[in-house]
Amino acid sequence: KDDREDITHNYKYPEGSEDERRVFQKANKLTEQTTDEITDPGITIKLKGSDGMNKGCDFDVYAVISNNTEVERQCRLMFCARTSSYNGQVGAECGKKDLLN
């Protein structure tokens, strides 16, 4: 018999509640990191997360790469996702995609 008691409600807002979303949004602002390292001014990259994206849930990421020159270019795009804790500590890699034009 499992005699463990779930005490999550003592330190966390109910799953899916407005309070939980508000706390996640606050944590997200504290842990956001930008690593915009575009070294070629002729190329622009726009990244967009899926609508309604919430921490702790699966999500899609979309990339639009634009060549702003008249010269044909070959691009390689590499995505890497890592877990992130509520305190900003980066964890293990949880997804990776390597796309060659």
PDB file of N, CA and C in Angstrom:
ATOM      1  N   LYS A   1       0.841  -1.190   0.000  1.00  0.00           N
ATOM      2  CA  LYS A   1       0.000   0.000   0.000  1.00  0.00           C
ATOM      3  C   LYS A   1       0.886   1.253   0.000  1.00  0.00           C
ATOM      4  N   ASP A   2       0.503   2.249  -0.769  1.00  0.00           N
ATOM      5  CA  ASP A   2       1.248   3.505  -0.869  1.00  0.00           C
ATOM      6  C   ASP A   2       0.692   4.493   0.149  1.00  0.00           C
ATOM      7  N   ASP A   3       1.468   4.790   1.193  1.00  0.00           N
ATOM      8  CA  ASP A   3       1.017   5.697   2.247  1.00  0.00           C
ATOM      9  C   ASP A   3       1.573   7.109   2.096  1.00  0.00           C
ATOM     10  N   ARG A   4       2.178   7.394   0.951  1.00  0.00           N
ATOM     11  CA  ARG A   4       2.732   8.736   0.751  1.00  0.00           C
ATOM     12  C   ARG A   4       1.603   9.760   0.650  1.00  0.00           C
ATOM     13  N   GLU A   5       1.867  10.954   1.158  1.00  0.00           N
ATOM     14  CA  GLU A   5       0.879  12.025   1.107  1.00  0.00           C
ATOM     15  C   GLU A   5       1.366  13.093   0.132  1.00  0.00           C
ATOM     16  N   ASP A   6       0.499  13.489  -0.773  1.00  0.00           N
ATOM     17  CA  ASP A   6       0.832  14.533  -1.739  1.00  0.00           C
ATOM     18  C   ASP A   6       0.712  15.886  -1.045  1.00  0.00           C
ATOM     19  N   ILE A   7       1.832  16.585  -0.886  1.00  0.00           N
ATOM     20  CA  ILE A   7       1.827  17.890  -0.220  1.00  0.00           C
ATOM     21  C   ILE A   7       2.099  19.029  -1.205  1.00  0.00           C
ATOM     22  N   THR A   8       2.002  18.737  -2.489  1.00  0.00           N
ATOM     23  CA  THR A   8       2.286  19.747  -3.510  1.00  0.00           C
ATOM     24  C   THR A   8       1.464  21.010  -3.285  1.00  0.00           C
ATOM     25  N   HIS A   9       0.217  20.856  -2.869  1.00  0.00           N
ATOM     26  CA  HIS A   9      -0.672  22.008  -2.663  1.00  0.00           C
ATOM     27  C   HIS A   9      -0.157  22.954  -1.569  1.00  0.00           C
ATOM     28  N   ASN A  10       0.784  22.501  -0.743  1.00  0.00           N
ATOM     29  CA  ASN A  10       1.336  23.350   0.318  1.00  0.00           C
ATOM     30  C   ASN A  10       2.347  24.370  -0.194  1.00  0.00           C
ATOM     31  N   TYR A  11       2.904  24.137  -1.376  1.00  0.00           N
ATOM     32  CA  TYR A  11       3.939  25.049  -1.870  1.00  0.00           C
ATOM     33  C   TYR A  11       3.771  25.434  -3.333  1.00  0.00           C
ATOM     34  N   LYS A  12       2.731  24.975  -3.986  1.00  0.00           N
ATOM     35  CA  LYS A  12       2.550  25.257  -5.409  1.00  0.00           C
ATOM     36  C   LYS A  12       1.075  25.521  -5.688  1.00  0.00           C
ATOM     37  N   TYR A  13       0.819  26.487  -6.596  1.00  0.00           N
ATOM     38  CA  TYR A  13      -0.560  26.759  -7.000  1.00  0.00           C
ATOM     39  C   TYR A  13      -1.100  25.587  -7.808  1.00  0.00           C
ATOM     40  N   PRO A  14      -2.415  25.404  -7.826  1.00  0.00           N
ATOM     41  CA  PRO A  14      -3.017  24.290  -8.587  1.00  0.00           C
ATOM     42  C   PRO A  14      -2.639  24.343 -10.065  1.00  0.00           C
ATOM     43  N   GLU A  15      -2.374  23.181 -10.633  1.00  0.00           N
ATOM     44  CA  GLU A  15      -1.996  23.045 -12.043  1.00  0.00           C
ATOM     45  C   GLU A  15      -3.042  23.691 -12.949  1.00  0.00           C
ATOM     46  N   GLY A  16      -2.595  24.563 -13.849  1.00  0.00           N
ATOM     47  CA  GLY A  16      -3.484  25.201 -14.813  1.00  0.00           C
ATOM     48  C   GLY A  16      -4.193  26.439 -14.303  1.00  0.00           C
ATOM     49  N   SER A  17      -3.976  26.807 -13.041  1.00  0.00           N
ATOM     50  CA  SER A  17      -4.661  27.978 -12.482  1.00  0.00           C
ATOM     51  C   SER A  17      -3.998  29.267 -12.970  1.00  0.00           C
ATOM     52  N   GLU A  18      -4.735  30.372 -12.833  1.00  0.00           N
ATOM     53  CA  GLU A  18      -4.198  31.685 -13.209  1.00  0.00           C
ATOM     54  C   GLU A  18      -2.954  32.014 -12.372  1.00  0.00           C
ATOM     55  N   ASP A  19      -2.997  31.676 -11.085  1.00  0.00           N
ATOM     56  CA  ASP A  19      -1.839  31.942 -10.220  1.00  0.00           C
ATOM     57  C   ASP A  19      -0.607  31.180 -10.690  1.00  0.00           C
ATOM     58  N   GLU A  20      -0.794  29.915 -11.088  1.00  0.00           N
ATOM     59  CA  GLU A  20       0.337  29.118 -11.580  1.00  0.00           C
ATOM     60  C   GLU A  20       0.922  29.756 -12.840  1.00  0.00           C
ATOM     61  N   ARG A  21       0.076  30.170 -13.778  1.00  0.00           N
ATOM     62  CA  ARG A  21       0.540  30.817 -15.015  1.00  0.00           C
ATOM     63  C   ARG A  21       1.299  32.095 -14.689  1.00  0.00           C
ATOM     64  N   ARG A  22       0.770  32.892 -13.734  1.00  0.00           N
ATOM     65  CA  ARG A  22       1.418  34.150 -13.367  1.00  0.00           C
ATOM     66  C   ARG A  22       2.820  33.883 -12.806  1.00  0.00           C
ATOM     67  N   VAL A  23       2.948  32.882 -11.942  1.00  0.00           N
ATOM     68  CA  VAL A  23       4.251  32.538 -11.364  1.00  0.00           C
ATOM     69  C   VAL A  23       5.209  32.060 -12.448  1.00  0.00           C
ATOM     70  N   PHE A  24       4.717  31.232 -13.380  1.00  0.00           N
ATOM     71  CA  PHE A  24       5.566  30.768 -14.480  1.00  0.00           C
ATOM     72  C   PHE A  24       6.024  31.938 -15.345  1.00  0.00           C
ATOM     73  N   GLN A  25       5.116  32.883 -15.622  1.00  0.00           N
ATOM     74  CA  GLN A  25       5.497  34.040 -16.440  1.00  0.00           C
ATOM     75  C   GLN A  25       6.566  34.867 -15.734  1.00  0.00           C
ATOM     76  N   LYS A  26       6.417  35.046 -14.427  1.00  0.00           N
ATOM     77  CA  LYS A  26       7.419  35.791 -13.667  1.00  0.00           C
ATOM     78  C   LYS A  26       8.763  35.062 -13.703  1.00  0.00           C
ATOM     79  N   ALA A  27       8.738  33.751 -13.489  1.00  0.00           N
ATOM     80  CA  ALA A  27       9.979  32.968 -13.530  1.00  0.00           C
ATOM     81  C   ALA A  27      10.606  33.025 -14.915  1.00  0.00           C
ATOM     82  N   ASN A  28       9.775  33.006 -15.941  1.00  0.00           N
ATOM     83  CA  ASN A  28      10.279  33.060 -17.310  1.00  0.00           C
ATOM     84  C   ASN A  28      11.025  34.365 -17.562  1.00  0.00           C
ATOM     85  N   LYS A  29      10.483  35.476 -17.101  1.00  0.00           N
ATOM     86  CA  LYS A  29      11.152  36.765 -17.292  1.00  0.00           C
ATOM     87  C   LYS A  29      12.503  36.797 -16.572  1.00  0.00           C
ATOM     88  N   LEU A  30      12.581  36.130 -15.429  1.00  0.00           N
ATOM     89  CA  LEU A  30      13.829  36.113 -14.666  1.00  0.00           C
ATOM     90  C   LEU A  30      14.886  35.220 -15.295  1.00  0.00           C
ATOM     91  N   THR A  31      14.447  34.223 -16.060  1.00  0.00           N
ATOM     92  CA  THR A  31      15.406  33.258 -16.606  1.00  0.00           C
ATOM     93  C   THR A  31      15.626  33.392 -18.102  1.00  0.00           C
ATOM     94  N   GLU A  32      14.979  34.386 -18.740  1.00  0.00           N
ATOM     95  CA  GLU A  32      15.159  34.537 -20.186  1.00  0.00           C
ATOM     96  C   GLU A  32      16.606  34.863 -20.498  1.00  0.00           C
ATOM     97  N   GLN A  33      17.105  34.185 -21.504  1.00  0.00           N
ATOM     98  CA  GLN A  33      18.461  34.454 -21.972  1.00  0.00           C
ATOM     99  C   GLN A  33      18.399  34.636 -23.478  1.00  0.00           C
ATOM    100  N   THR A  34      19.092  35.616 -23.964  1.00  0.00           N
ATOM    101  CA  THR A  34      19.161  35.787 -25.408  1.00  0.00           C
ATOM    102  C   THR A  34      20.585  35.516 -25.859  1.00  0.00           C
ATOM    103  N   THR A  35      20.693  34.783 -26.927  1.00  0.00           N
ATOM    104  CA  THR A  35      22.012  34.487 -27.486  1.00  0.00           C
ATOM    105  C   THR A  35      21.970  34.772 -28.979  1.00  0.00           C
ATOM    106  N   ASP A  36      21.674  36.022 -29.305  1.00  0.00           N
ATOM    107  CA  ASP A  36      21.623  36.419 -30.706  1.00  0.00           C
ATOM    108  C   ASP A  36      23.042  36.606 -31.211  1.00  0.00           C
ATOM    109  N   GLU A  37      23.540  35.615 -31.923  1.00  0.00           N
ATOM    110  CA  GLU A  37      24.911  35.664 -32.420  1.00  0.00           C
ATOM    111  C   GLU A  37      24.928  35.593 -33.940  1.00  0.00           C
ATOM    112  N   ILE A  38      24.202  36.478 -34.591  1.00  0.00           N
ATOM    113  CA  ILE A  38      24.197  36.510 -36.050  1.00  0.00           C
ATOM    114  C   ILE A  38      25.409  37.321 -36.484  1.00  0.00           C
ATOM    115  N   THR A  39      26.317  36.665 -37.185  1.00  0.00           N
ATOM    116  CA  THR A  39      27.554  37.335 -37.584  1.00  0.00           C
ATOM    117  C   THR A  39      27.494  37.837 -39.017  1.00  0.00           C
ATOM    118  N   ASP A  40      26.439  37.504 -39.748  1.00  0.00           N
ATOM    119  CA  ASP A  40      26.298  37.919 -41.142  1.00  0.00           C
ATOM    120  C   ASP A  40      25.108  38.867 -41.249  1.00  0.00           C
ATOM    121  N   PRO A  41      25.371  40.174 -41.474  1.00  0.00           N
ATOM    122  CA  PRO A  41      24.261  41.126 -41.528  1.00  0.00           C
ATOM    123  C   PRO A  41      23.322  40.905 -42.714  1.00  0.00           C
ATOM    124  N   GLY A  42      23.727  40.103 -43.695  1.00  0.00           N
ATOM    125  CA  GLY A  42      22.873  39.829 -44.847  1.00  0.00           C
ATOM    126  C   GLY A  42      21.835  38.758 -44.585  1.00  0.00           C
ATOM    127  N   ILE A  43      21.904  38.130 -43.425  1.00  0.00           N
ATOM    128  CA  ILE A  43      20.977  37.050 -43.080  1.00  0.00           C
ATOM    129  C   ILE A  43      20.210  37.442 -41.823  1.00  0.00           C
ATOM    130  N   THR A  44      18.894  37.252 -41.840  1.00  0.00           N
ATOM    131  CA  THR A  44      18.101  37.476 -40.631  1.00  0.00           C
ATOM    132  C   THR A  44      17.403  36.175 -40.250  1.00  0.00           C
ATOM    133  N   ILE A  45      17.284  35.966 -38.966  1.00  0.00           N
ATOM    134  CA  ILE A  45      16.614  34.777 -38.439  1.00  0.00           C
ATOM    135  C   ILE A  45      15.564  35.241 -37.441  1.00  0.00           C
ATOM    136  N   LYS A  46      14.350  34.775 -37.633  1.00  0.00           N
ATOM    137  CA  LYS A  46      13.274  35.068 -36.686  1.00  0.00           C
ATOM    138  C   LYS A  46      12.798  33.747 -36.103  1.00  0.00           C
ATOM    139  N   LEU A  47      12.783  33.662 -34.779  1.00  0.00           N
ATOM    140  CA  LEU A  47      12.312  32.468 -34.084  1.00  0.00           C
ATOM    141  C   LEU A  47      10.983  32.778 -33.415  1.00  0.00           C
ATOM    142  N   LYS A  48      10.083  31.815 -33.470  1.00  0.00           N
ATOM    143  CA  LYS A  48       8.773  31.998 -32.854  1.00  0.00           C
ATOM    144  C   LYS A  48       8.361  30.704 -32.184  1.00  0.00           C
ATOM    145  N   GLY A  49       7.917  30.816 -30.944  1.00  0.00           N
ATOM    146  CA  GLY A  49       7.372  29.661 -30.231  1.00  0.00           C
ATOM    147  C   GLY A  49       5.898  29.519 -30.549  1.00  0.00           C
ATOM    148  N   SER A  50       5.375  28.327 -30.359  1.00  0.00           N
ATOM    149  CA  SER A  50       3.964  28.084 -30.644  1.00  0.00           C
ATOM    150  C   SER A  50       3.088  28.922 -29.716  1.00  0.00           C
ATOM    151  N   ASP A  51       1.912  29.312 -30.207  1.00  0.00           N
ATOM    152  CA  ASP A  51       0.973  30.097 -29.412  1.00  0.00           C
ATOM    153  C   ASP A  51       0.556  29.309 -28.174  1.00  0.00           C
ATOM    154  N   GLY A  52       0.391  29.996 -27.072  1.00  0.00           N
ATOM    155  CA  GLY A  52      -0.031  29.351 -25.840  1.00  0.00           C
ATOM    156  C   GLY A  52       1.040  28.495 -25.204  1.00  0.00           C
ATOM    157  N   MET A  53       2.301  28.764 -25.528  1.00  0.00           N
ATOM    158  CA  MET A  53       3.411  27.965 -25.009  1.00  0.00           C
ATOM    159  C   MET A  53       3.529  28.162 -23.495  1.00  0.00           C
ATOM    160  N   ASN A  54       3.567  27.061 -22.754  1.00  0.00           N
ATOM    161  CA  ASN A  54       3.691  27.109 -21.296  1.00  0.00           C
ATOM    162  C   ASN A  54       4.864  26.257 -20.842  1.00  0.00           C
ATOM    163  N   LYS A  55       5.533  26.725 -19.806  1.00  0.00           N
ATOM    164  CA  LYS A  55       6.630  25.935 -19.241  1.00  0.00           C
ATOM    165  C   LYS A  55       6.092  24.602 -18.758  1.00  0.00           C
ATOM    166  N   GLY A  56       6.899  23.578 -18.925  1.00  0.00           N
ATOM    167  CA  GLY A  56       6.505  22.253 -18.489  1.00  0.00           C
ATOM    168  C   GLY A  56       5.689  21.491 -19.507  1.00  0.00           C
ATOM    169  N   CYS A  57       5.413  22.121 -20.651  1.00  0.00           N
ATOM    170  CA  CYS A  57       4.610  21.481 -21.700  1.00  0.00           C
ATOM    171  C   CYS A  57       5.417  21.429 -22.996  1.00  0.00           C
ATOM    172  N   ASP A  58       5.073  20.489 -23.858  1.00  0.00           N
ATOM    173  CA  ASP A  58       5.702  20.425 -25.175  1.00  0.00           C
ATOM    174  C   ASP A  58       5.331  21.669 -25.973  1.00  0.00           C
ATOM    175  N   PHE A  59       6.197  22.063 -26.899  1.00  0.00           N
ATOM    176  CA  PHE A  59       5.923  23.219 -27.745  1.00  0.00           C
ATOM    177  C   PHE A  59       6.669  23.076 -29.058  1.00  0.00           C
ATOM    178  N   ASP A  60       6.246  23.851 -30.038  1.00  0.00           N
ATOM    179  CA  ASP A  60       6.903  23.889 -31.342  1.00  0.00           C
ATOM    180  C   ASP A  60       7.669  25.195 -31.469  1.00  0.00           C
ATOM    181  N   VAL A  61       8.769  25.160 -32.223  1.00  0.00           N
ATOM    182  CA  VAL A  61       9.553  26.354 -32.512  1.00  0.00           C
ATOM    183  C   VAL A  61       9.649  26.488 -34.020  1.00  0.00           C
ATOM    184  N   TYR A  62       9.413  27.690 -34.505  1.00  0.00           N
ATOM    185  CA  TYR A  62       9.465  27.959 -35.937  1.00  0.00           C
ATOM    186  C   TYR A  62      10.594  28.946 -36.213  1.00  0.00           C
ATOM    187  N   ALA A  63      11.299  28.736 -37.319  1.00  0.00           N
ATOM    188  CA  ALA A  63      12.383  29.635 -37.710  1.00  0.00           C
ATOM    189  C   ALA A  63      12.156  30.093 -39.145  1.00  0.00           C
ATOM    190  N   VAL A  64      12.303  31.395 -39.358  1.00  0.00           N
ATOM    191  CA  VAL A  64      12.246  31.964 -40.705  1.00  0.00           C
ATOM    192  C   VAL A  64      13.603  32.600 -40.961  1.00  0.00           C
ATOM    193  N   ILE A  65      14.303  32.089 -41.963  1.00  0.00           N
ATOM    194  CA  ILE A  65      15.626  32.604 -42.314  1.00  0.00           C
ATOM    195  C   ILE A  65      15.500  33.358 -43.625  1.00  0.00           C
ATOM    196  N   SER A  66      15.952  34.600 -43.635  1.00  0.00           N
ATOM    197  CA  SER A  66      15.860  35.425 -44.837  1.00  0.00           C
ATOM    198  C   SER A  66      17.244  35.827 -45.310  1.00  0.00           C
ATOM    199  N   ASN A  67      17.458  35.690 -46.609  1.00  0.00           N
ATOM    200  CA  ASN A  67      18.689  36.139 -47.243  1.00  0.00           C
ATOM    201  C   ASN A  67      18.400  37.527 -47.800  1.00  0.00           C
ATOM    202  N   ASN A  68      18.999  38.546 -47.236  1.00  0.00           N
ATOM    203  CA  ASN A  68      18.741  39.928 -47.634  1.00  0.00           C
ATOM    204  C   ASN A  68      19.738  40.439 -48.664  1.00  0.00           C
ATOM    205  N   THR A  69      20.404  39.525 -49.342  1.00  0.00           N
ATOM    206  CA  THR A  69      21.348  39.900 -50.387  1.00  0.00           C
ATOM    207  C   THR A  69      20.894  39.270 -51.701  1.00  0.00           C
ATOM    208  N   GLU A  70      21.587  39.581 -52.760  1.00  0.00           N
ATOM    209  CA  GLU A  70      21.259  39.003 -54.065  1.00  0.00           C
ATOM    210  C   GLU A  70      22.101  37.767 -54.356  1.00  0.00           C
ATOM    211  N   VAL A  71      22.946  37.385 -53.430  1.00  0.00           N
ATOM    212  CA  VAL A  71      23.826  36.233 -53.591  1.00  0.00           C
ATOM    213  C   VAL A  71      23.181  35.012 -52.943  1.00  0.00           C
ATOM    214  N   GLU A  72      23.200  33.880 -53.659  1.00  0.00           N
ATOM    215  CA  GLU A  72      22.650  32.652 -53.090  1.00  0.00           C
ATOM    216  C   GLU A  72      23.518  32.196 -51.930  1.00  0.00           C
ATOM    217  N   ARG A  73      22.892  31.791 -50.853  1.00  0.00           N
ATOM    218  CA  ARG A  73      23.613  31.357 -49.661  1.00  0.00           C
ATOM    219  C   ARG A  73      23.162  29.960 -49.256  1.00  0.00           C
ATOM    220  N   GLN A  74      24.047  29.223 -48.632  1.00  0.00           N
ATOM    221  CA  GLN A  74      23.680  27.957 -48.021  1.00  0.00           C
ATOM    222  C   GLN A  74      23.695  28.173 -46.511  1.00  0.00           C
ATOM    223  N   CYS A  75      22.629  27.754 -45.862  1.00  0.00           N
ATOM    224  CA  CYS A  75      22.504  27.970 -44.419  1.00  0.00           C
ATOM    225  C   CYS A  75      22.388  26.648 -43.683  1.00  0.00           C
ATOM    226  N   ARG A  76      22.882  26.650 -42.494  1.00  0.00           N
ATOM    227  CA  ARG A  76      22.713  25.502 -41.604  1.00  0.00           C
ATOM    228  C   ARG A  76      22.142  26.041 -40.299  1.00  0.00           C
ATOM    229  N   LEU A  77      21.043  25.463 -39.888  1.00  0.00           N
ATOM    230  CA  LEU A  77      20.387  25.897 -38.662  1.00  0.00           C
ATOM    231  C   LEU A  77      20.411  24.751 -37.663  1.00  0.00           C
ATOM    232  N   MET A  78      20.890  25.045 -36.479  1.00  0.00           N
ATOM    233  CA  MET A  78      20.945  24.028 -35.425  1.00  0.00           C
ATOM    234  C   MET A  78      20.154  24.534 -34.221  1.00  0.00           C
ATOM    235  N   PHE A  79      19.178  23.747 -33.804  1.00  0.00           N
ATOM    236  CA  PHE A  79      18.398  24.042 -32.602  1.00  0.00           C
ATOM    237  C   PHE A  79      18.858  23.113 -31.493  1.00  0.00           C
ATOM    238  N   CYS A  80      18.957  23.632 -30.317  1.00  0.00           N
ATOM    239  CA  CYS A  80      19.251  22.795 -29.155  1.00  0.00           C
ATOM    240  C   CYS A  80      18.380  23.301 -28.010  1.00  0.00           C
ATOM    241  N   ALA A  81      17.653  22.405 -27.375  1.00  0.00           N
ATOM    242  CA  ALA A  81      16.803  22.770 -26.241  1.00  0.00           C
ATOM    243  C   ALA A  81      17.371  22.145 -24.975  1.00  0.00           C
ATOM    244  N   ARG A  82      17.305  22.902 -23.908  1.00  0.00           N
ATOM    245  CA  ARG A  82      17.773  22.407 -22.614  1.00  0.00           C
ATOM    246  C   ARG A  82      16.711  22.716 -21.573  1.00  0.00           C
ATOM    247  N   THR A  83      16.685  21.918 -20.541  1.00  0.00           N
ATOM    248  CA  THR A  83      15.771  22.192 -19.444  1.00  0.00           C
ATOM    249  C   THR A  83      16.292  23.380 -18.648  1.00  0.00           C
ATOM    250  N   SER A  84      15.380  24.074 -17.996  1.00  0.00           N
ATOM    251  CA  SER A  84      15.749  25.214 -17.176  1.00  0.00           C
ATOM    252  C   SER A  84      14.941  25.153 -15.883  1.00  0.00           C
ATOM    253  N   SER A  85      15.617  25.287 -14.769  1.00  0.00           N
ATOM    254  CA  SER A  85      14.963  25.211 -13.472  1.00  0.00           C
ATOM    255  C   SER A  85      14.351  26.558 -13.111  1.00  0.00           C
ATOM    256  N   TYR A  86      13.496  26.570 -12.123  1.00  0.00           N
ATOM    257  CA  TYR A  86      12.856  27.798 -11.661  1.00  0.00           C
ATOM    258  C   TYR A  86      13.868  28.843 -11.204  1.00  0.00           C
ATOM    259  N   ASN A  87      15.064  28.407 -10.821  1.00  0.00           N
ATOM    260  CA  ASN A  87      16.078  29.350 -10.348  1.00  0.00           C
ATOM    261  C   ASN A  87      17.061  29.767 -11.444  1.00  0.00           C
ATOM    262  N   GLY A  88      16.790  29.355 -12.681  1.00  0.00           N
ATOM    263  CA  GLY A  88      17.632  29.741 -13.800  1.00  0.00           C
ATOM    264  C   GLY A  88      18.750  28.779 -14.116  1.00  0.00           C
ATOM    265  N   GLN A  89      18.916  27.748 -13.315  1.00  0.00           N
ATOM    266  CA  GLN A  89      19.972  26.768 -13.571  1.00  0.00           C
ATOM    267  C   GLN A  89      19.621  25.950 -14.812  1.00  0.00           C
ATOM    268  N   VAL A  90      20.562  25.884 -15.746  1.00  0.00           N
ATOM    269  CA  VAL A  90      20.351  25.159 -16.998  1.00  0.00           C
ATOM    270  C   VAL A  90      20.665  23.690 -16.773  1.00  0.00           C
ATOM    271  N   GLY A  91      19.782  22.837 -17.269  1.00  0.00           N
ATOM    272  CA  GLY A  91      19.940  21.403 -17.075  1.00  0.00           C
ATOM    273  C   GLY A  91      20.371  20.688 -18.338  1.00  0.00           C
ATOM    274  N   ALA A  92      19.995  19.450 -18.404  1.00  0.00           N
ATOM    275  CA  ALA A  92      20.407  18.583 -19.507  1.00  0.00           C
ATOM    276  C   ALA A  92      19.716  18.954 -20.816  1.00  0.00           C
ATOM    277  N   GLU A  93      20.373  18.577 -21.909  1.00  0.00           N
ATOM    278  CA  GLU A  93      19.793  18.775 -23.238  1.00  0.00           C
ATOM    279  C   GLU A  93      18.576  17.866 -23.372  1.00  0.00           C
ATOM    280  N   CYS A  94      17.476  18.427 -23.865  1.00  0.00           N
ATOM    281  CA  CYS A  94      16.266  17.615 -24.003  1.00  0.00           C
ATOM    282  C   CYS A  94      15.781  17.547 -25.446  1.00  0.00           C
ATOM    283  N   GLY A  95      16.467  18.217 -26.342  1.00  0.00           N
ATOM    284  CA  GLY A  95      16.100  18.152 -27.749  1.00  0.00           C
ATOM    285  C   GLY A  95      17.156  18.798 -28.615  1.00  0.00           C
ATOM    286  N   LYS A  96      17.318  18.280 -29.825  1.00  0.00           N
ATOM    287  CA  LYS A  96      18.322  18.827 -30.737  1.00  0.00           C
ATOM    288  C   LYS A  96      17.875  18.549 -32.162  1.00  0.00           C
ATOM    289  N   LYS A  97      18.050  19.520 -33.041  1.00  0.00           N
ATOM    290  CA  LYS A  97      17.700  19.353 -34.447  1.00  0.00           C
ATOM    291  C   LYS A  97      18.739  20.085 -35.271  1.00  0.00           C
ATOM    292  N   ASP A  98      19.277  19.421 -36.272  1.00  0.00           N
ATOM    293  CA  ASP A  98      20.281  20.002 -37.163  1.00  0.00           C
ATOM    294  C   ASP A  98      19.686  20.020 -38.562  1.00  0.00           C
ATOM    295  N   LEU A  99      19.470  21.216 -39.087  1.00  0.00           N
ATOM    296  CA  LEU A  99      18.851  21.362 -40.403  1.00  0.00           C
ATOM    297  C   LEU A  99      19.840  22.001 -41.360  1.00  0.00           C
ATOM    298  N   LEU A 100      20.140  21.324 -42.432  1.00  0.00           N
ATOM    299  CA  LEU A 100      21.032  21.869 -43.451  1.00  0.00           C
ATOM    300  C   LEU A 100      20.186  22.225 -44.653  1.00  0.00           C
ATOM    301  N   ASN A 101      20.320  23.440 -45.139  1.00  0.00           N
ATOM    302  CA  ASN A 101      19.525  23.953 -46.260  1.00  0.00           C
ATOM    303  C   ASN A 101      19.540  23.012 -47.437  1.00  0.00           C
TER     304      ASN A 101
END
